Protein backbone atom coordinates (compact mmCIF):
# COMPACT_ATOMS: atom_id res chain seq x y z
CA MET A 1 23.47 -9.75 26.58
CA LEU A 2 22.29 -7.78 29.17
CA GLY A 3 22.44 -9.03 32.98
CA LEU A 4 22.67 -8.23 36.32
CA PRO A 5 24.93 -4.88 36.33
CA ASP A 6 28.49 -6.11 37.78
CA GLY A 7 28.96 -2.29 38.73
CA PRO A 8 27.96 1.51 37.80
CA MET A 9 30.05 0.97 34.85
CA GLN A 10 28.35 -2.38 33.47
CA PHE A 11 24.72 -0.72 34.02
CA GLU A 12 25.98 2.73 32.04
CA GLU A 13 27.10 0.46 29.11
CA ASP A 14 23.70 -1.96 29.52
CA LEU A 15 21.75 1.42 29.48
CA GLY A 16 23.88 2.70 26.42
CA GLN A 17 22.65 -0.54 24.75
CA ILE A 18 19.18 -0.37 25.52
CA ARG A 19 19.44 3.41 24.01
CA ASN A 20 20.97 1.95 20.83
CA ASP A 21 18.63 -0.59 20.47
CA ILE A 22 15.84 1.84 21.11
CA SER A 23 16.82 3.93 18.53
CA ARG A 24 17.45 1.16 15.73
CA ILE A 25 13.70 0.28 16.94
CA ARG A 26 12.63 3.96 16.19
CA GLU A 27 14.24 4.09 12.71
CA ASP A 28 12.86 0.52 11.67
CA ILE A 29 9.54 1.88 12.75
CA SER A 30 10.00 5.01 10.55
CA LEU A 31 11.07 3.28 7.49
CA ILE A 32 8.27 0.90 7.89
CA GLN A 33 6.08 3.97 7.81
CA GLN A 34 7.41 5.36 4.89
CA ASP A 35 6.79 2.07 2.85
CA ILE A 36 3.29 1.57 3.75
CA GLY A 37 2.72 5.06 2.63
CA TRP A 38 4.29 3.78 -1.11
CA MET A 39 2.17 1.20 -0.84
CA SER A 40 -1.07 2.87 -0.21
CA GLN A 41 -0.10 5.31 -3.17
CA LEU A 42 0.72 1.87 -5.61
CA GLY A 43 -2.90 0.26 -4.82
CA PRO A 44 -5.01 3.00 -6.56
CA ALA A 45 -2.47 3.24 -9.53
CA LEU A 46 -2.44 -0.70 -10.37
CA MET A 47 -5.97 -0.92 -10.13
CA ASN A 48 -6.09 2.28 -13.09
CA THR A 49 -3.52 0.57 -14.67
CA MET A 50 -5.55 -2.49 -14.87
CA ILE A 51 -8.84 -1.11 -16.03
CA GLU A 52 -6.71 1.02 -18.70
CA LEU A 53 -5.59 -2.34 -20.11
CA ARG A 54 -9.13 -3.81 -20.15
CA THR A 55 -10.52 -0.04 -21.99
CA ILE A 56 -7.67 -1.13 -24.74
CA ARG A 57 -8.73 -4.56 -24.97
CA ARG A 58 -12.49 -3.74 -25.24
CA LEU A 59 -11.26 -0.99 -28.20
CA MET A 60 -9.53 -3.29 -30.02
CA GLU A 61 -11.81 -6.30 -30.16
CA VAL A 62 -14.31 -2.71 -31.41
CA HIS A 63 -11.21 -2.53 -34.11
CA MET A 64 -11.13 -5.80 -35.36
CA GLY A 65 -14.62 -6.61 -35.08
CA GLU A 66 -15.04 -8.95 -32.81
CA ALA A 67 -17.43 -6.92 -30.67
CA THR A 68 -19.54 -3.84 -30.62
CA GLN A 69 -19.53 -1.25 -28.41
CA GLU A 70 -23.16 -1.94 -27.11
CA GLU A 71 -21.63 -5.29 -26.40
CA LEU A 72 -19.26 -4.17 -24.36
CA ALA A 73 -20.97 -1.26 -22.50
CA GLY A 74 -22.25 -3.67 -19.66
CA GLU A 75 -17.84 -4.60 -18.97
CA VAL A 76 -17.38 -0.52 -18.97
CA GLU A 77 -20.14 -0.04 -16.40
CA ALA A 78 -18.81 -2.77 -14.41
CA ASP A 79 -15.27 -1.39 -14.25
CA ARG A 80 -16.63 1.56 -13.31
CA GLU A 81 -18.48 0.38 -10.29
CA GLU A 82 -15.27 -1.74 -9.24
CA LEU A 83 -13.21 0.99 -9.52
CA ARG A 84 -15.87 3.23 -7.46
CA GLU A 85 -16.03 0.05 -4.97
CA PHE A 86 -11.68 0.06 -4.65
CA GLU A 87 -11.77 3.89 -3.92
CA ARG A 88 -14.11 3.83 -1.01
CA GLN A 89 -12.36 0.59 0.41
CA ASN A 90 -9.15 2.63 0.21
CA LYS A 91 -10.49 5.91 1.54
CA LYS A 92 -11.88 3.79 4.85
CA ARG A 93 -8.28 1.99 5.13
CA MET A 94 -7.00 5.70 5.10
CA ASP A 95 -9.03 7.04 7.30
CA LEU A 96 -8.62 4.11 10.15
CA ARG A 97 -4.85 4.73 9.61
CA ARG A 98 -4.83 8.63 10.18
CA GLY A 99 -7.07 7.56 12.94
């Protein structure tokens, strides 16, 4: 624990400890920035996967005769709009991060 220095040697030790702490904090910040970059790429990938799974479900419904393509057209358009809105929001977040 840092306190009042007992002399020049204590001051140097305290200063060295402060420098080490600052270095560790900078490393932590760098790791957090890398994680944020990775996570910002994960969101669009998950959104696309979710929409692809919905599309596969719809194709199976049509194939099994549970629905017609016309019946599902509205859902497909809603997915497209949802993806466009997600991309707009994601672009805004990225622009805010850049600054």
